[in-house]
Amino acid sequence: MKDGIHPNYRDVCFVDLSNGFKFVTRSCAPTKESIKMEDGRELPLFKLETTSESHPFYTGQQKSVDTLGGRVEKFRNKFAQFSKK
């Protein structure tokens, strides 16, 4: 491989700012901060607003807005008198 053309691919600690959840994965994400892990390693730190630990879709707290079913029933009620029998 040529030197100087590849991104800096290394272990990075990602932290969810909403609940403090941390996970380590390999990434090229640019960082300016670092964090000391429990095992003694010092890793680059990348802060995230939301992750699978805090996103409503993945936590099961997402509220379903069922507007389609209401529209269909409204249409059927409105035009029921015009239906062929």
PDB file of N, CA and C in Angstrom:
ATOM      1  N   MET A   1       0.842  -1.185   0.000  1.00  0.00           N
ATOM      2  CA  MET A   1       0.000   0.000   0.000  1.00  0.00           C
ATOM      3  C   MET A   1       0.884   1.243   0.000  1.00  0.00           C
ATOM      4  N   LYS A   2       0.394   2.288  -0.625  1.00  0.00           N
ATOM      5  CA  LYS A   2       1.140   3.540  -0.649  1.00  0.00           C
ATOM      6  C   LYS A   2       0.990   4.262   0.678  1.00  0.00           C
ATOM      7  N   ASP A   3       2.051   4.914   1.096  1.00  0.00           N
ATOM      8  CA  ASP A   3       2.014   5.694   2.329  1.00  0.00           C
ATOM      9  C   ASP A   3       1.343   7.036   2.092  1.00  0.00           C
ATOM     10  N   GLY A   4       0.581   7.507   3.095  1.00  0.00           N
ATOM     11  CA  GLY A   4       0.036   8.849   3.079  1.00  0.00           C
ATOM     12  C   GLY A   4      -1.266   9.032   2.319  1.00  0.00           C
ATOM     13  N   ILE A   5      -1.835   7.972   1.742  1.00  0.00           N
ATOM     14  CA  ILE A   5      -3.080   8.155   0.996  1.00  0.00           C
ATOM     15  C   ILE A   5      -4.287   7.513   1.696  1.00  0.00           C
ATOM     16  N   HIS A   6      -4.044   6.744   2.738  1.00  0.00           N
ATOM     17  CA  HIS A   6      -5.127   6.049   3.423  1.00  0.00           C
ATOM     18  C   HIS A   6      -5.544   6.793   4.697  1.00  0.00           C
ATOM     19  N   PRO A   7      -6.832   6.754   5.036  1.00  0.00           N
ATOM     20  CA  PRO A   7      -7.282   7.430   6.263  1.00  0.00           C
ATOM     21  C   PRO A   7      -6.777   6.715   7.505  1.00  0.00           C
ATOM     22  N   ASN A   8      -6.805   7.429   8.609  1.00  0.00           N
ATOM     23  CA  ASN A   8      -6.353   6.890   9.891  1.00  0.00           C
ATOM     24  C   ASN A   8      -7.444   5.990  10.459  1.00  0.00           C
ATOM     25  N   TYR A   9      -7.351   4.687  10.209  1.00  0.00           N
ATOM     26  CA  TYR A   9      -8.352   3.705  10.636  1.00  0.00           C
ATOM     27  C   TYR A   9      -7.891   3.092  11.945  1.00  0.00           C
ATOM     28  N   ARG A  10      -8.646   3.360  13.031  1.00  0.00           N
ATOM     29  CA  ARG A  10      -8.224   2.909  14.355  1.00  0.00           C
ATOM     30  C   ARG A  10      -9.444   2.692  15.236  1.00  0.00           C
ATOM     31  N   ASP A  11      -9.210   2.144  16.447  1.00  0.00           N
ATOM     32  CA  ASP A  11     -10.298   1.980  17.418  1.00  0.00           C
ATOM     33  C   ASP A  11     -10.745   3.355  17.899  1.00  0.00           C
ATOM     34  N   VAL A  12     -12.065   3.571  17.936  1.00  0.00           N
ATOM     35  CA  VAL A  12     -12.635   4.832  18.397  1.00  0.00           C
ATOM     36  C   VAL A  12     -13.763   4.518  19.368  1.00  0.00           C
ATOM     37  N   CYS A  13     -13.857   5.281  20.446  1.00  0.00           N
ATOM     38  CA  CYS A  13     -14.942   5.134  21.402  1.00  0.00           C
ATOM     39  C   CYS A  13     -16.046   6.126  21.050  1.00  0.00           C
ATOM     40  N   PHE A  14     -17.249   5.603  20.808  1.00  0.00           N
ATOM     41  CA  PHE A  14     -18.414   6.435  20.525  1.00  0.00           C
ATOM     42  C   PHE A  14     -19.249   6.525  21.795  1.00  0.00           C
ATOM     43  N   VAL A  15     -19.681   7.739  22.150  1.00  0.00           N
ATOM     44  CA  VAL A  15     -20.457   7.955  23.374  1.00  0.00           C
ATOM     45  C   VAL A  15     -21.781   8.617  23.014  1.00  0.00           C
ATOM     46  N   ASP A  16     -22.882   8.036  23.520  1.00  0.00           N
ATOM     47  CA  ASP A  16     -24.214   8.610  23.350  1.00  0.00           C
ATOM     48  C   ASP A  16     -24.390   9.682  24.419  1.00  0.00           C
ATOM     49  N   LEU A  17     -24.569  10.934  24.008  1.00  0.00           N
ATOM     50  CA  LEU A  17     -24.672  12.043  24.959  1.00  0.00           C
ATOM     51  C   LEU A  17     -25.975  12.028  25.751  1.00  0.00           C
ATOM     52  N   SER A  18     -27.009  11.354  25.248  1.00  0.00           N
ATOM     53  CA  SER A  18     -28.286  11.360  25.952  1.00  0.00           C
ATOM     54  C   SER A  18     -28.327  10.405  27.140  1.00  0.00           C
ATOM     55  N   ASN A  19     -27.554   9.312  27.083  1.00  0.00           N
ATOM     56  CA  ASN A  19     -27.593   8.362  28.203  1.00  0.00           C
ATOM     57  C   ASN A  19     -26.226   7.840  28.637  1.00  0.00           C
ATOM     58  N   GLY A  20     -25.157   8.278  28.000  1.00  0.00           N
ATOM     59  CA  GLY A  20     -23.827   7.872  28.416  1.00  0.00           C
ATOM     60  C   GLY A  20     -23.372   6.516  27.904  1.00  0.00           C
ATOM     61  N   PHE A  21     -24.137   5.870  27.044  1.00  0.00           N
ATOM     62  CA  PHE A  21     -23.779   4.566  26.495  1.00  0.00           C
ATOM     63  C   PHE A  21     -22.513   4.692  25.654  1.00  0.00           C
ATOM     64  N   LYS A  22     -21.558   3.780  25.862  1.00  0.00           N
ATOM     65  CA  LYS A  22     -20.288   3.796  25.139  1.00  0.00           C
ATOM     66  C   LYS A  22     -20.116   2.496  24.370  1.00  0.00           C
ATOM     67  N   PHE A  23     -19.524   2.604  23.188  1.00  0.00           N
ATOM     68  CA  PHE A  23     -19.111   1.407  22.465  1.00  0.00           C
ATOM     69  C   PHE A  23     -17.873   1.731  21.653  1.00  0.00           C
ATOM     70  N   VAL A  24     -17.056   0.717  21.451  1.00  0.00           N
ATOM     71  CA  VAL A  24     -15.790   0.867  20.733  1.00  0.00           C
ATOM     72  C   VAL A  24     -15.886   0.100  19.426  1.00  0.00           C
ATOM     73  N   THR A  25     -15.492   0.759  18.366  1.00  0.00           N
ATOM     74  CA  THR A  25     -15.438   0.124  17.053  1.00  0.00           C
ATOM     75  C   THR A  25     -14.315   0.773  16.257  1.00  0.00           C
ATOM     76  N   ARG A  26     -13.978   0.181  15.145  1.00  0.00           N
ATOM     77  CA  ARG A  26     -12.936   0.747  14.295  1.00  0.00           C
ATOM     78  C   ARG A  26     -13.563   1.770  13.386  1.00  0.00           C
ATOM     79  N   SER A  27     -12.893   2.919  13.212  1.00  0.00           N
ATOM     80  CA  SER A  27     -13.452   4.001  12.427  1.00  0.00           C
ATOM     81  C   SER A  27     -12.363   4.946  11.933  1.00  0.00           C
ATOM     82  N   CYS A  28     -12.737   5.735  10.927  1.00  0.00           N
ATOM     83  CA  CYS A  28     -11.878   6.802  10.406  1.00  0.00           C
ATOM     84  C   CYS A  28     -12.402   8.162  10.862  1.00  0.00           C
ATOM     85  N   ALA A  29     -13.393   8.178  11.749  1.00  0.00           N
ATOM     86  CA  ALA A  29     -14.024   9.420  12.184  1.00  0.00           C
ATOM     87  C   ALA A  29     -12.986  10.366  12.791  1.00  0.00           C
ATOM     88  N   PRO A  30     -13.017  11.634  12.360  1.00  0.00           N
ATOM     89  CA  PRO A  30     -12.059  12.600  12.917  1.00  0.00           C
ATOM     90  C   PRO A  30     -12.451  12.988  14.344  1.00  0.00           C
ATOM     91  N   THR A  31     -11.491  13.002  15.239  1.00  0.00           N
ATOM     92  CA  THR A  31     -11.755  13.359  16.636  1.00  0.00           C
ATOM     93  C   THR A  31     -10.666  14.284  17.151  1.00  0.00           C
ATOM     94  N   LYS A  32     -11.042  15.087  18.155  1.00  0.00           N
ATOM     95  CA  LYS A  32     -10.070  15.961  18.814  1.00  0.00           C
ATOM     96  C   LYS A  32      -9.908  15.596  20.280  1.00  0.00           C
ATOM     97  N   GLU A  33     -10.884  14.854  20.823  1.00  0.00           N
ATOM     98  CA  GLU A  33     -10.854  14.477  22.230  1.00  0.00           C
ATOM     99  C   GLU A  33     -10.492  13.007  22.368  1.00  0.00           C
ATOM    100  N   SER A  34     -10.095  12.632  23.581  1.00  0.00           N
ATOM    101  CA  SER A  34      -9.831  11.221  23.866  1.00  0.00           C
ATOM    102  C   SER A  34     -10.440  10.881  25.221  1.00  0.00           C
ATOM    103  N   ILE A  35     -10.582   9.577  25.467  1.00  0.00           N
ATOM    104  CA  ILE A  35     -11.187   9.097  26.706  1.00  0.00           C
ATOM    105  C   ILE A  35     -10.375   7.916  27.210  1.00  0.00           C
ATOM    106  N   LYS A  36     -10.265   7.816  28.515  1.00  0.00           N
ATOM    107  CA  LYS A  36      -9.559   6.697  29.146  1.00  0.00           C
ATOM    108  C   LYS A  36     -10.589   5.608  29.431  1.00  0.00           C
ATOM    109  N   MET A  37     -10.393   4.432  28.862  1.00  0.00           N
ATOM    110  CA  MET A  37     -11.325   3.326  29.031  1.00  0.00           C
ATOM    111  C   MET A  37     -11.046   2.587  30.334  1.00  0.00           C
ATOM    112  N   GLU A  38     -11.987   1.727  30.727  1.00  0.00           N
ATOM    113  CA  GLU A  38     -11.854   0.962  31.974  1.00  0.00           C
ATOM    114  C   GLU A  38     -10.671  -0.003  31.942  1.00  0.00           C
ATOM    115  N   ASP A  39     -10.315  -0.472  30.743  1.00  0.00           N
ATOM    116  CA  ASP A  39      -9.204  -1.418  30.624  1.00  0.00           C
ATOM    117  C   ASP A  39      -7.844  -0.730  30.524  1.00  0.00           C
ATOM    118  N   GLY A  40      -7.824   0.613  30.641  1.00  0.00           N
ATOM    119  CA  GLY A  40      -6.574   1.358  30.637  1.00  0.00           C
ATOM    120  C   GLY A  40      -6.189   1.978  29.296  1.00  0.00           C
ATOM    121  N   ARG A  41      -6.874   1.593  28.225  1.00  0.00           N
ATOM    122  CA  ARG A  41      -6.560   2.160  26.911  1.00  0.00           C
ATOM    123  C   ARG A  41      -7.065   3.594  26.827  1.00  0.00           C
ATOM    124  N   GLU A  42      -6.353   4.422  26.106  1.00  0.00           N
ATOM    125  CA  GLU A  42      -6.824   5.770  25.816  1.00  0.00           C
ATOM    126  C   GLU A  42      -7.193   5.807  24.340  1.00  0.00           C
ATOM    127  N   LEU A  43      -8.481   6.065  24.078  1.00  0.00           N
ATOM    128  CA  LEU A  43      -8.995   6.023  22.712  1.00  0.00           C
ATOM    129  C   LEU A  43      -9.539   7.375  22.293  1.00  0.00           C
ATOM    130  N   PRO A  44      -9.545   7.638  20.999  1.00  0.00           N
ATOM    131  CA  PRO A  44     -10.199   8.853  20.504  1.00  0.00           C
ATOM    132  C   PRO A  44     -11.688   8.790  20.840  1.00  0.00           C
ATOM    133  N   LEU A  45     -12.283   9.950  21.139  1.00  0.00           N
ATOM    134  CA  LEU A  45     -13.683  10.022  21.549  1.00  0.00           C
ATOM    135  C   LEU A  45     -14.506  10.722  20.481  1.00  0.00           C
ATOM    136  N   PHE A  46     -15.622  10.093  20.092  1.00  0.00           N
ATOM    137  CA  PHE A  46     -16.558  10.682  19.140  1.00  0.00           C
ATOM    138  C   PHE A  46     -17.921  10.733  19.817  1.00  0.00           C
ATOM    139  N   LYS A  47     -18.494  11.939  19.952  1.00  0.00           N
ATOM    140  CA  LYS A  47     -19.766  12.108  20.656  1.00  0.00           C
ATOM    141  C   LYS A  47     -20.927  12.054  19.666  1.00  0.00           C
ATOM    142  N   LEU A  48     -21.975  11.313  20.059  1.00  0.00           N
ATOM    143  CA  LEU A  48     -23.166  11.148  19.233  1.00  0.00           C
ATOM    144  C   LEU A  48     -24.394  11.654  19.972  1.00  0.00           C
ATOM    145  N   GLU A  49     -25.357  12.204  19.248  1.00  0.00           N
ATOM    146  CA  GLU A  49     -26.610  12.666  19.855  1.00  0.00           C
ATOM    147  C   GLU A  49     -27.523  11.497  20.192  1.00  0.00           C
ATOM    148  N   THR A  50     -27.557  10.503  19.332  1.00  0.00           N
ATOM    149  CA  THR A  50     -28.431   9.346  19.559  1.00  0.00           C
ATOM    150  C   THR A  50     -27.795   8.091  18.981  1.00  0.00           C
ATOM    151  N   THR A  51     -28.058   6.966  19.615  1.00  0.00           N
ATOM    152  CA  THR A  51     -27.588   5.669  19.142  1.00  0.00           C
ATOM    153  C   THR A  51     -28.755   4.696  19.238  1.00  0.00           C
ATOM    154  N   SER A  52     -28.492   3.431  18.977  1.00  0.00           N
ATOM    155  CA  SER A  52     -29.546   2.425  19.084  1.00  0.00           C
ATOM    156  C   SER A  52     -30.025   2.270  20.524  1.00  0.00           C
ATOM    157  N   GLU A  53     -29.223   2.691  21.486  1.00  0.00           N
ATOM    158  CA  GLU A  53     -29.615   2.610  22.895  1.00  0.00           C
ATOM    159  C   GLU A  53     -30.596   3.699  23.297  1.00  0.00           C
ATOM    160  N   SER A  54     -30.670   4.793  22.537  1.00  0.00           N
ATOM    161  CA  SER A  54     -31.549   5.888  22.926  1.00  0.00           C
ATOM    162  C   SER A  54     -32.587   6.253  21.866  1.00  0.00           C
ATOM    163  N   HIS A  55     -32.469   5.712  20.655  1.00  0.00           N
ATOM    164  CA  HIS A  55     -33.420   6.059  19.601  1.00  0.00           C
ATOM    165  C   HIS A  55     -34.760   5.361  19.856  1.00  0.00           C
ATOM    166  N   PRO A  56     -35.880   6.085  19.782  1.00  0.00           N
ATOM    167  CA  PRO A  56     -37.190   5.497  20.079  1.00  0.00           C
ATOM    168  C   PRO A  56     -37.542   4.279  19.227  1.00  0.00           C
ATOM    169  N   PHE A  57     -37.088   4.220  17.991  1.00  0.00           N
ATOM    170  CA  PHE A  57     -37.396   3.067  17.147  1.00  0.00           C
ATOM    171  C   PHE A  57     -36.789   1.794  17.721  1.00  0.00           C
ATOM    172  N   TYR A  58     -35.551   1.853  18.183  1.00  0.00           N
ATOM    173  CA  TYR A  58     -34.857   0.673  18.683  1.00  0.00           C
ATOM    174  C   TYR A  58     -35.202   0.348  20.129  1.00  0.00           C
ATOM    175  N   THR A  59     -35.648   1.326  20.900  1.00  0.00           N
ATOM    176  CA  THR A  59     -35.997   1.073  22.293  1.00  0.00           C
ATOM    177  C   THR A  59     -37.441   0.640  22.468  1.00  0.00           C
ATOM    178  N   GLY A  60     -38.242   0.728  21.404  1.00  0.00           N
ATOM    179  CA  GLY A  60     -39.636   0.311  21.482  1.00  0.00           C
ATOM    180  C   GLY A  60     -40.557   1.383  22.020  1.00  0.00           C
ATOM    181  N   GLN A  61     -40.091   2.593  22.128  1.00  0.00           N
ATOM    182  CA  GLN A  61     -40.898   3.683  22.666  1.00  0.00           C
ATOM    183  C   GLN A  61     -41.466   4.581  21.582  1.00  0.00           C
ATOM    184  N   GLN A  62     -41.285   4.184  20.310  1.00  0.00           N
ATOM    185  CA  GLN A  62     -41.778   5.003  19.211  1.00  0.00           C
ATOM    186  C   GLN A  62     -43.298   4.943  19.168  1.00  0.00           C
ATOM    187  N   LYS A  63     -43.896   6.077  19.001  1.00  0.00           N
ATOM    188  CA  LYS A  63     -45.344   6.172  18.923  1.00  0.00           C
ATOM    189  C   LYS A  63     -45.753   6.072  17.454  1.00  0.00           C
ATOM    190  N   SER A  64     -46.650   5.166  17.160  1.00  0.00           N
ATOM    191  CA  SER A  64     -47.121   4.987  15.802  1.00  0.00           C
ATOM    192  C   SER A  64     -48.282   5.939  15.533  1.00  0.00           C
ATOM    193  N   VAL A  65     -48.161   6.696  14.477  1.00  0.00           N
ATOM    194  CA  VAL A  65     -49.217   7.621  14.088  1.00  0.00           C
ATOM    195  C   VAL A  65     -49.994   6.948  12.965  1.00  0.00           C
ATOM    196  N   ASP A  66     -51.168   6.438  13.288  1.00  0.00           N
ATOM    197  CA  ASP A  66     -51.960   5.697  12.321  1.00  0.00           C
ATOM    198  C   ASP A  66     -52.955   6.630  11.657  1.00  0.00           C
ATOM    199  N   THR A  67     -52.483   7.423  10.709  1.00  0.00           N
ATOM    200  CA  THR A  67     -53.364   8.335  10.004  1.00  0.00           C
ATOM    201  C   THR A  67     -53.949   7.691   8.762  1.00  0.00           C
ATOM    202  N   LEU A  68     -53.278   6.686   8.207  1.00  0.00           N
ATOM    203  CA  LEU A  68     -53.763   6.053   6.994  1.00  0.00           C
ATOM    204  C   LEU A  68     -55.073   5.315   7.251  1.00  0.00           C
ATOM    205  N   GLY A  69     -55.157   4.572   8.344  1.00  0.00           N
ATOM    206  CA  GLY A  69     -56.384   3.843   8.660  1.00  0.00           C
ATOM    207  C   GLY A  69     -57.552   4.790   8.855  1.00  0.00           C
ATOM    208  N   GLY A  70     -57.349   5.906   9.493  1.00  0.00           N
ATOM    209  CA  GLY A  70     -58.401   6.886   9.689  1.00  0.00           C
ATOM    210  C   GLY A  70     -58.857   7.495   8.385  1.00  0.00           C
ATOM    211  N   ARG A  71     -57.957   7.715   7.471  1.00  0.00           N
ATOM    212  CA  ARG A  71     -58.300   8.288   6.170  1.00  0.00           C
ATOM    213  C   ARG A  71     -59.137   7.315   5.344  1.00  0.00           C
ATOM    214  N   VAL A  72     -58.754   6.050   5.390  1.00  0.00           N
ATOM    215  CA  VAL A  72     -59.491   5.048   4.624  1.00  0.00           C
ATOM    216  C   VAL A  72     -60.920   4.938   5.143  1.00  0.00           C
ATOM    217  N   GLU A  73     -61.099   4.881   6.449  1.00  0.00           N
ATOM    218  CA  GLU A  73     -62.441   4.792   7.026  1.00  0.00           C
ATOM    219  C   GLU A  73     -63.261   6.034   6.720  1.00  0.00           C
ATOM    220  N   LYS A  74     -62.646   7.184   6.761  1.00  0.00           N
ATOM    221  CA  LYS A  74     -63.344   8.436   6.441  1.00  0.00           C
ATOM    222  C   LYS A  74     -63.808   8.417   4.985  1.00  0.00           C
ATOM    223  N   PHE A  75     -62.945   7.937   4.081  1.00  0.00           N
ATOM    224  CA  PHE A  75     -63.304   7.847   2.663  1.00  0.00           C
ATOM    225  C   PHE A  75     -64.466   6.886   2.458  1.00  0.00           C
ATOM    226  N   ARG A  76     -64.390   5.728   3.083  1.00  0.00           N
ATOM    227  CA  ARG A  76     -65.461   4.730   2.932  1.00  0.00           C
ATOM    228  C   ARG A  76     -66.787   5.256   3.451  1.00  0.00           C
ATOM    229  N   ASN A  77     -66.769   5.928   4.586  1.00  0.00           N
ATOM    230  CA  ASN A  77     -67.994   6.485   5.144  1.00  0.00           C
ATOM    231  C   ASN A  77     -68.568   7.574   4.247  1.00  0.00           C
ATOM    232  N   LYS A  78     -67.711   8.398   3.686  1.00  0.00           N
ATOM    233  CA  LYS A  78     -68.150   9.521   2.864  1.00  0.00           C
ATOM    234  C   LYS A  78     -68.790   9.047   1.565  1.00  0.00           C
ATOM    235  N   PHE A  79     -68.236   8.001   0.957  1.00  0.00           N
ATOM    236  CA  PHE A  79     -68.706   7.558  -0.344  1.00  0.00           C
ATOM    237  C   PHE A  79     -69.472   6.223  -0.295  1.00  0.00           C
ATOM    238  N   ALA A  80     -69.900   5.812   0.861  1.00  0.00           N
ATOM    239  CA  ALA A  80     -70.658   4.565   0.991  1.00  0.00           C
ATOM    240  C   ALA A  80     -71.982   4.628   0.238  1.00  0.00           C
ATOM    241  N   GLN A  81     -72.578   5.792   0.189  1.00  0.00           N
ATOM    242  CA  GLN A  81     -73.867   5.932  -0.473  1.00  0.00           C
ATOM    243  C   GLN A  81     -73.767   5.765  -1.984  1.00  0.00           C
ATOM    244  N   PHE A  82     -72.584   5.918  -2.559  1.00  0.00           N
ATOM    245  CA  PHE A  82     -72.405   5.819  -4.007  1.00  0.00           C
ATOM    246  C   PHE A  82     -71.962   4.435  -4.450  1.00  0.00           C
ATOM    247  N   SER A  83     -71.776   3.517  -3.519  1.00  0.00           N
ATOM    248  CA  SER A  83     -71.286   2.192  -3.876  1.00  0.00           C
ATOM    249  C   SER A  83     -72.331   1.406  -4.651  1.00  0.00           C
ATOM    250  N   LYS A  84     -71.872   0.546  -5.549  1.00  0.00           N
ATOM    251  CA  LYS A  84     -72.773  -0.312  -6.330  1.00  0.00           C
ATOM    252  C   LYS A  84     -73.261  -1.440  -5.468  1.00  0.00           C
ATOM    253  N   LYS A  85     -74.492  -1.773  -5.611  1.00  0.00           N
ATOM    254  CA  LYS A  85     -75.054  -2.862  -4.794  1.00  0.00           C
ATOM    255  C   LYS A  85     -75.437  -4.029  -5.646  1.00  0.00           C
TER     256      LYS A  85
END
